[in-house]
């Protein structure tokens, strides 16, 4: 895979290049080590592209996970104890045993999320999850890896892409709780 776009959210590029240059280099090497063409093996059942061979996001995720693991990156999961005091009187609230939040990869306080799936998760990762993991004292900065438009067009429908994500973040702006993040757009 290769990086085709770099977007700096909340001065992420400048800050992470200064604070974590060795980890940034490692992430770029991991991306380059993934051969996406091995995973263009999912036969589409969707109406608009029935029978076409698409990139398999589950297999790509697995390959990325193996590459990050080889370099000592860890998945971090935090248990969620959801509050129950906000339910109205008399409501029997559902059990939430086993609820958690998870960051794909963390090393030396840099968090990485790989998002090859639905659009809402891209925004959630950068504007909520990374902020939560910072507040829980696991990370200081983040990197989000997402497909380019070209790659997304060779995946199942509903997958978002770098160009769309950048537009949304530009128009959203930066909040005082946002952490510095680099977004990498990737493709084969």
N, C-alpha and C. Protein backbone atom coordinates (compact mmCIF):
# COMPACT_ATOMS: atom_id res chain seq x y z
N UNK A 1 0.86 -1.18 0.00
CA UNK A 1 0.00 0.00 0.00
C UNK A 1 0.91 1.24 0.00
N UNK A 2 0.30 2.32 -0.41
CA UNK A 2 1.04 3.57 -0.39
C UNK A 2 0.16 4.68 0.16
N UNK A 3 0.80 5.69 0.70
CA UNK A 3 0.09 6.86 1.21
C UNK A 3 -0.08 7.82 0.04
N UNK A 4 -1.33 8.19 -0.24
CA UNK A 4 -1.60 9.12 -1.34
C UNK A 4 -2.03 10.49 -0.83
N UNK A 5 -2.34 10.59 0.46
CA UNK A 5 -2.75 11.86 1.03
C UNK A 5 -2.44 11.93 2.50
N UNK A 6 -2.08 13.13 2.95
CA UNK A 6 -1.78 13.36 4.37
C UNK A 6 -2.54 14.61 4.78
N UNK A 7 -3.37 14.48 5.81
CA UNK A 7 -4.13 15.61 6.32
C UNK A 7 -3.77 15.81 7.79
N UNK A 8 -3.46 17.04 8.13
CA UNK A 8 -3.09 17.39 9.49
C UNK A 8 -4.28 18.00 10.20
N UNK A 9 -4.78 17.30 11.20
CA UNK A 9 -5.90 17.79 12.00
C UNK A 9 -5.37 18.29 13.33
N UNK A 10 -5.69 19.52 13.67
CA UNK A 10 -5.24 20.14 14.92
C UNK A 10 -3.70 20.11 15.03
N UNK A 11 -3.03 20.49 13.95
CA UNK A 11 -1.56 20.53 13.87
C UNK A 11 -0.91 19.17 14.08
N UNK A 12 -1.65 18.10 13.78
CA UNK A 12 -1.15 16.75 14.00
C UNK A 12 0.16 16.45 13.30
N UNK A 13 0.29 16.83 12.04
CA UNK A 13 1.49 16.51 11.27
C UNK A 13 2.72 17.15 11.91
N UNK A 14 2.65 18.43 12.15
CA UNK A 14 3.78 19.18 12.74
C UNK A 14 4.17 18.61 14.11
N UNK A 15 3.18 18.38 14.95
CA UNK A 15 3.44 17.93 16.32
C UNK A 15 3.96 16.49 16.35
N UNK A 16 3.31 15.59 15.60
CA UNK A 16 3.72 14.18 15.64
C UNK A 16 5.08 14.00 14.97
N UNK A 17 5.35 14.74 13.89
CA UNK A 17 6.68 14.67 13.27
C UNK A 17 7.76 15.10 14.26
N UNK A 18 7.47 16.07 15.10
CA UNK A 18 8.43 16.56 16.10
C UNK A 18 8.53 15.60 17.29
N UNK A 19 7.39 15.14 17.81
CA UNK A 19 7.36 14.36 19.04
C UNK A 19 7.57 12.85 18.84
N UNK A 20 7.13 12.30 17.72
CA UNK A 20 7.16 10.84 17.51
C UNK A 20 7.67 10.48 16.10
N UNK A 21 8.79 11.05 15.66
CA UNK A 21 9.23 10.79 14.28
C UNK A 21 9.52 9.32 14.00
N UNK A 22 10.06 8.61 14.99
CA UNK A 22 10.40 7.20 14.79
C UNK A 22 9.14 6.35 14.63
N UNK A 23 8.08 6.70 15.35
CA UNK A 23 6.82 5.95 15.23
C UNK A 23 6.12 6.27 13.92
N UNK A 24 6.22 7.51 13.49
CA UNK A 24 5.64 7.89 12.21
C UNK A 24 6.32 7.14 11.07
N UNK A 25 7.62 7.02 11.15
CA UNK A 25 8.40 6.28 10.14
C UNK A 25 7.95 4.81 10.14
N UNK A 26 7.77 4.25 11.33
CA UNK A 26 7.33 2.87 11.48
C UNK A 26 5.95 2.64 10.86
N UNK A 27 5.02 3.57 11.10
CA UNK A 27 3.68 3.46 10.54
C UNK A 27 3.73 3.48 9.01
N UNK A 28 4.53 4.37 8.47
CA UNK A 28 4.67 4.47 7.01
C UNK A 28 5.24 3.17 6.44
N UNK A 29 6.21 2.57 7.12
CA UNK A 29 6.78 1.30 6.67
C UNK A 29 5.75 0.17 6.74
N UNK A 30 4.95 0.17 7.79
CA UNK A 30 3.89 -0.85 7.94
C UNK A 30 2.91 -0.74 6.78
N UNK A 31 2.50 0.47 6.45
CA UNK A 31 1.58 0.68 5.33
C UNK A 31 2.19 0.14 4.04
N UNK A 32 3.47 0.46 3.82
CA UNK A 32 4.16 -0.01 2.61
C UNK A 32 4.30 -1.53 2.56
N UNK A 33 4.36 -2.18 3.72
CA UNK A 33 4.52 -3.63 3.79
C UNK A 33 3.25 -4.41 3.46
N UNK A 34 2.10 -3.75 3.48
CA UNK A 34 0.84 -4.44 3.22
C UNK A 34 0.59 -4.48 1.71
N UNK A 35 0.49 -5.68 1.18
CA UNK A 35 0.21 -5.87 -0.24
C UNK A 35 -1.30 -6.09 -0.42
N UNK A 36 -2.00 -5.01 -0.68
CA UNK A 36 -3.46 -5.06 -0.79
C UNK A 36 -3.92 -5.95 -1.93
N UNK A 37 -3.14 -6.06 -2.98
CA UNK A 37 -3.57 -6.83 -4.15
C UNK A 37 -3.80 -8.31 -3.81
N UNK A 38 -3.15 -8.80 -2.75
CA UNK A 38 -3.40 -10.19 -2.30
C UNK A 38 -4.83 -10.35 -1.79
N UNK A 39 -5.47 -9.24 -1.44
CA UNK A 39 -6.78 -9.30 -0.80
C UNK A 39 -7.89 -8.74 -1.67
N UNK A 40 -7.67 -8.72 -2.95
CA UNK A 40 -8.76 -8.36 -3.87
C UNK A 40 -9.43 -9.68 -4.26
N UNK A 41 -10.07 -10.28 -3.27
CA UNK A 41 -10.59 -11.65 -3.42
C UNK A 41 -12.01 -11.82 -2.88
N UNK A 42 -12.72 -10.72 -2.74
CA UNK A 42 -14.09 -10.78 -2.24
C UNK A 42 -15.04 -10.58 -3.43
N UNK A 43 -15.82 -11.61 -3.74
CA UNK A 43 -16.75 -11.53 -4.86
C UNK A 43 -18.01 -10.79 -4.41
N UNK A 44 -18.31 -9.70 -5.09
CA UNK A 44 -19.43 -8.85 -4.71
C UNK A 44 -20.77 -9.54 -4.97
N UNK A 45 -21.67 -9.36 -4.02
CA UNK A 45 -23.05 -9.83 -4.16
C UNK A 45 -24.00 -8.63 -4.26
N UNK A 46 -23.43 -7.43 -4.28
CA UNK A 46 -24.24 -6.22 -4.32
C UNK A 46 -24.78 -5.99 -5.73
N UNK A 47 -26.00 -5.45 -5.81
CA UNK A 47 -26.66 -5.21 -7.09
C UNK A 47 -25.80 -4.41 -8.06
N UNK A 48 -25.20 -3.34 -7.56
CA UNK A 48 -24.49 -2.41 -8.44
C UNK A 48 -23.15 -2.94 -8.94
N UNK A 49 -22.62 -4.00 -8.33
CA UNK A 49 -21.33 -4.54 -8.77
C UNK A 49 -21.27 -6.06 -8.63
N UNK A 50 -22.39 -6.70 -8.85
CA UNK A 50 -22.48 -8.16 -8.70
C UNK A 50 -21.40 -8.88 -9.50
N UNK A 51 -20.68 -9.78 -8.83
CA UNK A 51 -19.67 -10.60 -9.46
C UNK A 51 -18.29 -9.96 -9.55
N UNK A 52 -18.18 -8.65 -9.29
CA UNK A 52 -16.87 -7.99 -9.35
C UNK A 52 -16.01 -8.44 -8.17
N UNK A 53 -14.72 -8.49 -8.39
CA UNK A 53 -13.78 -8.81 -7.31
C UNK A 53 -13.43 -7.51 -6.59
N UNK A 54 -13.63 -7.51 -5.28
CA UNK A 54 -13.40 -6.33 -4.44
C UNK A 54 -12.31 -6.62 -3.43
N UNK A 55 -11.76 -5.55 -2.85
CA UNK A 55 -10.81 -5.72 -1.76
C UNK A 55 -11.58 -6.19 -0.53
N UNK A 56 -11.00 -7.12 0.19
CA UNK A 56 -11.63 -7.71 1.36
C UNK A 56 -11.15 -6.96 2.61
N UNK A 57 -12.00 -6.11 3.20
CA UNK A 57 -11.55 -5.30 4.35
C UNK A 57 -11.16 -6.13 5.57
N UNK A 58 -11.84 -7.26 5.79
CA UNK A 58 -11.49 -8.11 6.94
C UNK A 58 -10.08 -8.65 6.80
N UNK A 59 -9.73 -9.11 5.61
CA UNK A 59 -8.39 -9.64 5.37
C UNK A 59 -7.33 -8.54 5.42
N UNK A 60 -7.66 -7.37 4.89
CA UNK A 60 -6.73 -6.24 4.96
C UNK A 60 -6.49 -5.84 6.42
N UNK A 61 -7.56 -5.78 7.20
CA UNK A 61 -7.43 -5.46 8.63
C UNK A 61 -6.52 -6.46 9.32
N UNK A 62 -6.70 -7.73 9.02
CA UNK A 62 -5.90 -8.79 9.63
C UNK A 62 -4.42 -8.62 9.27
N UNK A 63 -4.15 -8.29 8.01
CA UNK A 63 -2.77 -8.07 7.56
C UNK A 63 -2.14 -6.87 8.27
N UNK A 64 -2.89 -5.77 8.36
CA UNK A 64 -2.38 -4.59 9.08
C UNK A 64 -2.10 -4.94 10.54
N UNK A 65 -3.02 -5.66 11.16
CA UNK A 65 -2.86 -6.04 12.57
C UNK A 65 -1.57 -6.85 12.77
N UNK A 66 -1.30 -7.79 11.86
CA UNK A 66 -0.09 -8.60 11.95
C UNK A 66 1.16 -7.73 11.80
N UNK A 67 1.13 -6.77 10.89
CA UNK A 67 2.28 -5.89 10.68
C UNK A 67 2.52 -4.99 11.89
N UNK A 68 1.45 -4.42 12.45
CA UNK A 68 1.61 -3.58 13.64
C UNK A 68 2.12 -4.41 14.82
N UNK A 69 1.59 -5.61 14.97
CA UNK A 69 2.00 -6.49 16.08
C UNK A 69 3.49 -6.83 15.98
N UNK A 70 3.97 -7.09 14.77
CA UNK A 70 5.40 -7.38 14.57
C UNK A 70 6.29 -6.26 15.08
N UNK A 71 5.77 -5.03 15.03
CA UNK A 71 6.55 -3.86 15.46
C UNK A 71 6.28 -3.48 16.92
N UNK A 72 5.53 -4.32 17.63
CA UNK A 72 5.33 -4.08 19.06
C UNK A 72 4.16 -3.18 19.42
N UNK A 73 3.30 -2.89 18.48
CA UNK A 73 2.10 -2.10 18.76
C UNK A 73 1.07 -3.00 19.45
N UNK A 74 0.34 -2.43 20.39
CA UNK A 74 -0.64 -3.20 21.17
C UNK A 74 -2.05 -2.64 20.97
N UNK A 75 -3.02 -3.54 20.97
CA UNK A 75 -4.42 -3.14 21.00
C UNK A 75 -4.77 -2.87 22.46
N UNK A 76 -5.45 -1.76 22.71
CA UNK A 76 -5.82 -1.41 24.08
C UNK A 76 -7.34 -1.34 24.17
N UNK A 77 -7.85 -2.08 25.14
CA UNK A 77 -9.29 -2.16 25.37
C UNK A 77 -9.58 -1.64 26.78
N UNK A 78 -10.56 -0.74 26.88
CA UNK A 78 -10.96 -0.24 28.19
C UNK A 78 -12.40 -0.65 28.46
N UNK A 79 -12.64 -1.09 29.68
CA UNK A 79 -13.97 -1.52 30.10
C UNK A 79 -14.86 -0.30 30.27
N UNK A 80 -16.10 -0.45 29.86
CA UNK A 80 -17.08 0.63 30.02
C UNK A 80 -18.08 0.25 31.10
N UNK A 81 -18.12 1.03 32.14
CA UNK A 81 -19.16 0.87 33.16
C UNK A 81 -20.17 1.98 32.90
N UNK A 82 -21.24 1.63 32.21
CA UNK A 82 -22.22 2.63 31.83
C UNK A 82 -23.05 3.06 33.04
N UNK A 83 -23.31 4.36 33.15
CA UNK A 83 -24.14 4.84 34.26
C UNK A 83 -25.59 4.41 34.09
N UNK A 84 -26.26 4.18 35.21
CA UNK A 84 -27.67 3.79 35.15
C UNK A 84 -28.58 4.84 35.81
N UNK A 85 -27.99 5.84 36.42
CA UNK A 85 -28.81 6.82 37.16
C UNK A 85 -29.62 7.76 36.25
N UNK A 86 -29.43 7.69 34.96
CA UNK A 86 -30.15 8.59 34.05
C UNK A 86 -31.43 7.98 33.49
N UNK A 87 -31.67 6.72 33.80
CA UNK A 87 -32.92 6.10 33.36
C UNK A 87 -34.08 6.67 34.16
N UNK A 88 -35.25 6.72 33.53
CA UNK A 88 -36.43 7.20 34.24
C UNK A 88 -36.87 6.15 35.26
N UNK A 89 -37.51 6.61 36.31
CA UNK A 89 -37.96 5.74 37.38
C UNK A 89 -38.88 4.65 36.83
N UNK A 90 -38.62 3.43 37.23
CA UNK A 90 -39.43 2.31 36.81
C UNK A 90 -38.92 1.59 35.57
N UNK A 91 -37.94 2.18 34.87
CA UNK A 91 -37.39 1.52 33.67
C UNK A 91 -36.39 0.45 34.10
N UNK A 92 -36.56 -0.74 33.56
CA UNK A 92 -35.63 -1.83 33.86
C UNK A 92 -34.52 -1.78 32.80
N UNK A 93 -33.38 -1.21 33.17
CA UNK A 93 -32.30 -1.00 32.20
C UNK A 93 -31.64 -2.31 31.78
N UNK A 94 -31.17 -2.36 30.53
CA UNK A 94 -30.52 -3.59 30.03
C UNK A 94 -29.16 -3.80 30.68
N UNK A 95 -28.75 -5.05 30.73
CA UNK A 95 -27.41 -5.36 31.24
C UNK A 95 -26.38 -4.94 30.20
N UNK A 96 -25.25 -4.44 30.66
CA UNK A 96 -24.21 -3.99 29.74
C UNK A 96 -22.88 -4.67 30.06
N UNK A 97 -22.94 -5.84 30.62
CA UNK A 97 -21.72 -6.57 30.94
C UNK A 97 -20.85 -6.74 29.70
N UNK A 98 -19.57 -6.55 29.88
CA UNK A 98 -18.63 -6.79 28.79
C UNK A 98 -18.48 -5.64 27.82
N UNK A 99 -19.13 -4.52 28.07
CA UNK A 99 -19.00 -3.37 27.17
C UNK A 99 -17.58 -2.81 27.26
N UNK A 100 -17.06 -2.36 26.11
CA UNK A 100 -15.69 -1.84 26.08
C UNK A 100 -15.51 -0.88 24.91
N UNK A 101 -14.44 -0.13 24.95
CA UNK A 101 -13.94 0.67 23.84
C UNK A 101 -12.53 0.17 23.56
N UNK A 102 -12.15 0.20 22.29
CA UNK A 102 -10.86 -0.37 21.92
C UNK A 102 -10.17 0.52 20.90
N UNK A 103 -8.88 0.71 21.08
CA UNK A 103 -8.07 1.41 20.08
C UNK A 103 -7.24 0.35 19.39
N UNK A 104 -7.21 0.42 18.05
CA UNK A 104 -6.55 -0.61 17.25
C UNK A 104 -5.10 -0.84 17.67
N UNK A 105 -4.31 0.24 17.73
CA UNK A 105 -2.88 0.10 18.02
C UNK A 105 -2.40 1.30 18.82
N UNK A 106 -1.61 1.00 19.86
CA UNK A 106 -0.98 2.06 20.65
C UNK A 106 0.46 1.67 20.93
N UNK A 107 1.34 2.66 20.80
CA UNK A 107 2.75 2.47 21.15
C UNK A 107 3.31 3.82 21.58
N UNK A 108 3.91 3.84 22.74
CA UNK A 108 4.53 5.07 23.27
C UNK A 108 3.62 6.29 23.15
N UNK A 109 2.35 6.09 23.54
CA UNK A 109 1.35 7.15 23.65
C UNK A 109 0.87 7.72 22.32
N UNK A 110 1.13 6.97 21.23
CA UNK A 110 0.58 7.33 19.92
C UNK A 110 -0.47 6.28 19.56
N UNK A 111 -1.68 6.72 19.31
CA UNK A 111 -2.77 5.81 18.96
C UNK A 111 -3.00 5.78 17.46
N UNK A 112 -3.28 4.59 16.94
CA UNK A 112 -3.56 4.42 15.52
C UNK A 112 -4.88 3.69 15.34
N UNK A 113 -5.72 4.23 14.47
CA UNK A 113 -6.96 3.59 14.08
C UNK A 113 -6.93 3.35 12.58
N UNK A 114 -7.26 2.14 12.18
CA UNK A 114 -7.38 1.77 10.78
C UNK A 114 -8.87 1.65 10.50
N UNK A 115 -9.38 2.45 9.55
CA UNK A 115 -10.82 2.41 9.29
C UNK A 115 -11.07 2.14 7.81
N UNK A 116 -11.42 0.89 7.53
CA UNK A 116 -11.75 0.49 6.16
C UNK A 116 -13.24 0.21 6.04
N UNK A 117 -14.00 0.70 6.99
CA UNK A 117 -15.43 0.39 7.03
C UNK A 117 -16.30 1.61 6.83
N UNK A 118 -17.36 1.66 7.57
CA UNK A 118 -18.39 2.67 7.40
C UNK A 118 -17.90 4.06 7.78
N UNK A 119 -18.49 5.04 7.12
CA UNK A 119 -18.08 6.42 7.26
C UNK A 119 -18.15 6.96 8.69
N UNK A 120 -19.23 6.68 9.40
CA UNK A 120 -19.42 7.28 10.72
C UNK A 120 -18.27 6.97 11.67
N UNK A 121 -17.62 5.83 11.47
CA UNK A 121 -16.54 5.46 12.38
C UNK A 121 -15.29 6.31 12.19
N UNK A 122 -15.07 6.85 11.00
CA UNK A 122 -13.91 7.73 10.79
C UNK A 122 -14.02 8.96 11.67
N UNK A 123 -15.15 9.62 11.60
CA UNK A 123 -15.36 10.83 12.40
C UNK A 123 -15.35 10.48 13.88
N UNK A 124 -16.00 9.38 14.25
CA UNK A 124 -16.02 8.94 15.64
C UNK A 124 -14.60 8.72 16.16
N UNK A 125 -13.77 8.03 15.37
CA UNK A 125 -12.40 7.73 15.81
C UNK A 125 -11.63 8.99 16.17
N UNK A 126 -11.66 9.98 15.29
CA UNK A 126 -10.86 11.20 15.49
C UNK A 126 -11.50 12.16 16.48
N UNK A 127 -12.81 12.32 16.41
CA UNK A 127 -13.47 13.36 17.20
C UNK A 127 -14.05 12.87 18.52
N UNK A 128 -14.03 11.58 18.77
CA UNK A 128 -14.53 11.06 20.04
C UNK A 128 -13.56 10.05 20.66
N UNK A 129 -13.32 8.94 19.98
CA UNK A 129 -12.52 7.87 20.58
C UNK A 129 -11.11 8.33 20.97
N UNK A 130 -10.44 9.04 20.07
CA UNK A 130 -9.07 9.48 20.40
C UNK A 130 -9.07 10.46 21.56
N UNK A 131 -10.08 11.31 21.63
CA UNK A 131 -10.21 12.23 22.76
C UNK A 131 -10.43 11.46 24.06
N UNK A 132 -11.25 10.43 24.01
CA UNK A 132 -11.52 9.59 25.19
C UNK A 132 -10.24 8.89 25.64
N UNK A 133 -9.50 8.30 24.71
CA UNK A 133 -8.26 7.59 25.07
C UNK A 133 -7.19 8.55 25.58
N UNK A 134 -7.21 9.79 25.13
CA UNK A 134 -6.32 10.81 25.69
C UNK A 134 -6.74 11.12 27.13
N UNK A 135 -8.02 11.32 27.33
CA UNK A 135 -8.53 11.64 28.67
C UNK A 135 -8.27 10.48 29.64
N UNK A 136 -8.31 9.23 29.13
CA UNK A 136 -8.03 8.06 29.97
C UNK A 136 -6.52 7.81 30.12
N UNK A 137 -5.71 8.71 29.57
CA UNK A 137 -4.25 8.70 29.72
C UNK A 137 -3.55 7.54 29.01
N UNK A 138 -4.06 7.17 27.83
CA UNK A 138 -3.42 6.13 27.02
C UNK A 138 -2.61 6.72 25.86
N UNK A 139 -3.08 7.86 25.31
CA UNK A 139 -2.41 8.45 24.15
C UNK A 139 -2.30 9.96 24.31
N UNK A 140 -1.42 10.55 23.50
CA UNK A 140 -1.31 12.00 23.40
C UNK A 140 -1.70 12.49 22.01
N UNK A 141 -1.46 11.64 21.01
CA UNK A 141 -1.68 12.00 19.61
C UNK A 141 -2.28 10.80 18.89
N UNK A 142 -2.79 11.05 17.67
CA UNK A 142 -3.39 9.95 16.92
C UNK A 142 -3.06 9.97 15.44
N UNK A 143 -3.20 8.79 14.84
CA UNK A 143 -3.08 8.61 13.39
C UNK A 143 -4.29 7.79 12.94
N UNK A 144 -4.96 8.27 11.91
CA UNK A 144 -6.09 7.56 11.33
C UNK A 144 -5.69 7.16 9.91
N UNK A 145 -5.84 5.88 9.59
CA UNK A 145 -5.52 5.36 8.26
C UNK A 145 -6.82 4.99 7.58
N UNK A 146 -7.08 5.61 6.41
CA UNK A 146 -8.34 5.41 5.71
C UNK A 146 -8.09 5.20 4.21
N UNK A 147 -9.03 4.56 3.51
CA UNK A 147 -8.85 4.36 2.07
C UNK A 147 -9.03 5.66 1.28
N UNK A 148 -8.37 5.73 0.14
CA UNK A 148 -8.61 6.82 -0.81
C UNK A 148 -9.93 6.55 -1.51
N UNK A 149 -10.41 7.52 -2.26
CA UNK A 149 -11.64 7.32 -3.04
C UNK A 149 -11.46 6.17 -4.03
N UNK A 150 -10.29 6.12 -4.65
CA UNK A 150 -10.03 5.06 -5.63
C UNK A 150 -10.12 3.67 -4.98
N UNK A 151 -9.53 3.50 -3.80
CA UNK A 151 -9.61 2.22 -3.11
C UNK A 151 -11.04 1.93 -2.67
N UNK A 152 -11.71 2.92 -2.13
CA UNK A 152 -13.09 2.73 -1.64
C UNK A 152 -14.02 2.27 -2.77
N UNK A 153 -13.76 2.71 -3.99
CA UNK A 153 -14.60 2.30 -5.12
C UNK A 153 -14.40 0.83 -5.47
N UNK A 154 -13.34 0.22 -4.96
CA UNK A 154 -13.09 -1.21 -5.18
C UNK A 154 -13.37 -2.02 -3.92
N UNK A 155 -14.24 -1.47 -3.07
CA UNK A 155 -14.65 -2.14 -1.84
C UNK A 155 -16.18 -2.15 -1.82
N UNK A 156 -16.75 -2.77 -0.81
CA UNK A 156 -18.21 -2.81 -0.68
C UNK A 156 -18.76 -1.39 -0.61
N UNK A 157 -20.01 -1.22 -0.96
CA UNK A 157 -20.61 0.11 -0.90
C UNK A 157 -20.74 0.56 0.56
N UNK A 158 -20.75 1.87 0.74
CA UNK A 158 -20.89 2.43 2.07
C UNK A 158 -19.57 2.74 2.75
N UNK A 159 -18.45 2.39 2.09
CA UNK A 159 -17.14 2.68 2.67
C UNK A 159 -16.79 4.13 2.33
N UNK A 160 -16.38 4.86 3.32
CA UNK A 160 -16.00 6.24 3.10
C UNK A 160 -14.55 6.31 2.68
N UNK A 161 -14.08 7.52 2.45
CA UNK A 161 -12.74 7.66 1.92
C UNK A 161 -12.11 8.98 2.36
N UNK A 162 -10.80 9.03 2.19
CA UNK A 162 -9.95 10.13 2.63
C UNK A 162 -10.50 11.50 2.20
N UNK A 163 -10.79 11.65 0.93
CA UNK A 163 -11.20 12.95 0.41
C UNK A 163 -12.47 13.46 1.08
N UNK A 164 -13.42 12.59 1.31
CA UNK A 164 -14.68 12.93 1.97
C UNK A 164 -14.43 13.31 3.44
N UNK A 165 -13.59 12.53 4.08
CA UNK A 165 -13.26 12.73 5.48
C UNK A 165 -12.58 14.08 5.70
N UNK A 166 -11.63 14.40 4.82
CA UNK A 166 -10.92 15.68 4.92
C UNK A 166 -11.90 16.84 4.77
N UNK A 167 -12.81 16.74 3.81
CA UNK A 167 -13.79 17.80 3.61
C UNK A 167 -14.59 18.03 4.89
N UNK A 168 -15.05 16.93 5.49
CA UNK A 168 -15.85 17.04 6.71
C UNK A 168 -15.06 17.67 7.86
N UNK A 169 -13.82 17.23 8.04
CA UNK A 169 -13.02 17.79 9.13
C UNK A 169 -12.71 19.27 8.89
N UNK A 170 -12.43 19.64 7.64
CA UNK A 170 -12.21 21.05 7.31
C UNK A 170 -13.43 21.89 7.66
N UNK A 171 -14.60 21.37 7.36
CA UNK A 171 -15.81 22.13 7.60
C UNK A 171 -16.31 22.04 9.04
N UNK A 172 -15.89 21.02 9.76
CA UNK A 172 -16.23 20.90 11.18
C UNK A 172 -15.41 21.88 11.99
N UNK A 173 -14.11 21.96 11.67
CA UNK A 173 -13.19 22.78 12.46
C UNK A 173 -12.65 21.98 13.63
N UNK A 174 -11.83 22.65 14.42
CA UNK A 174 -11.17 22.01 15.56
C UNK A 174 -11.80 22.53 16.84
N UNK A 175 -12.04 21.61 17.76
CA UNK A 175 -12.59 21.96 19.07
C UNK A 175 -11.45 21.98 20.09
N UNK A 176 -11.68 22.62 21.21
CA UNK A 176 -10.64 22.70 22.24
C UNK A 176 -10.34 21.36 22.89
N UNK A 177 -11.15 20.33 22.66
CA UNK A 177 -10.86 19.01 23.24
C UNK A 177 -10.20 18.07 22.24
N UNK A 178 -10.11 18.46 20.97
CA UNK A 178 -9.52 17.59 19.94
C UNK A 178 -8.02 17.45 20.14
N UNK A 179 -7.51 16.26 19.86
CA UNK A 179 -6.07 16.03 19.96
C UNK A 179 -5.44 16.13 18.56
N UNK A 180 -4.12 16.34 18.49
CA UNK A 180 -3.44 16.36 17.19
C UNK A 180 -3.49 14.98 16.53
N UNK A 181 -3.92 14.96 15.26
CA UNK A 181 -4.08 13.72 14.52
C UNK A 181 -3.58 13.91 13.09
N UNK A 182 -2.93 12.88 12.56
CA UNK A 182 -2.60 12.82 11.14
C UNK A 182 -3.55 11.79 10.52
N UNK A 183 -4.13 12.16 9.37
CA UNK A 183 -4.95 11.22 8.63
C UNK A 183 -4.18 10.85 7.36
N UNK A 184 -3.96 9.55 7.17
CA UNK A 184 -3.31 9.04 5.96
C UNK A 184 -4.37 8.44 5.05
N UNK A 185 -4.40 8.88 3.81
CA UNK A 185 -5.22 8.25 2.79
C UNK A 185 -4.34 7.23 2.06
N UNK A 186 -4.82 5.98 1.93
CA UNK A 186 -4.00 4.92 1.35
C UNK A 186 -4.69 4.25 0.18
N UNK A 187 -3.87 3.63 -0.67
CA UNK A 187 -4.41 2.80 -1.76
C UNK A 187 -3.29 1.86 -2.24
N UNK A 188 -3.68 0.83 -3.00
CA UNK A 188 -2.66 -0.09 -3.51
C UNK A 188 -1.69 0.60 -4.48
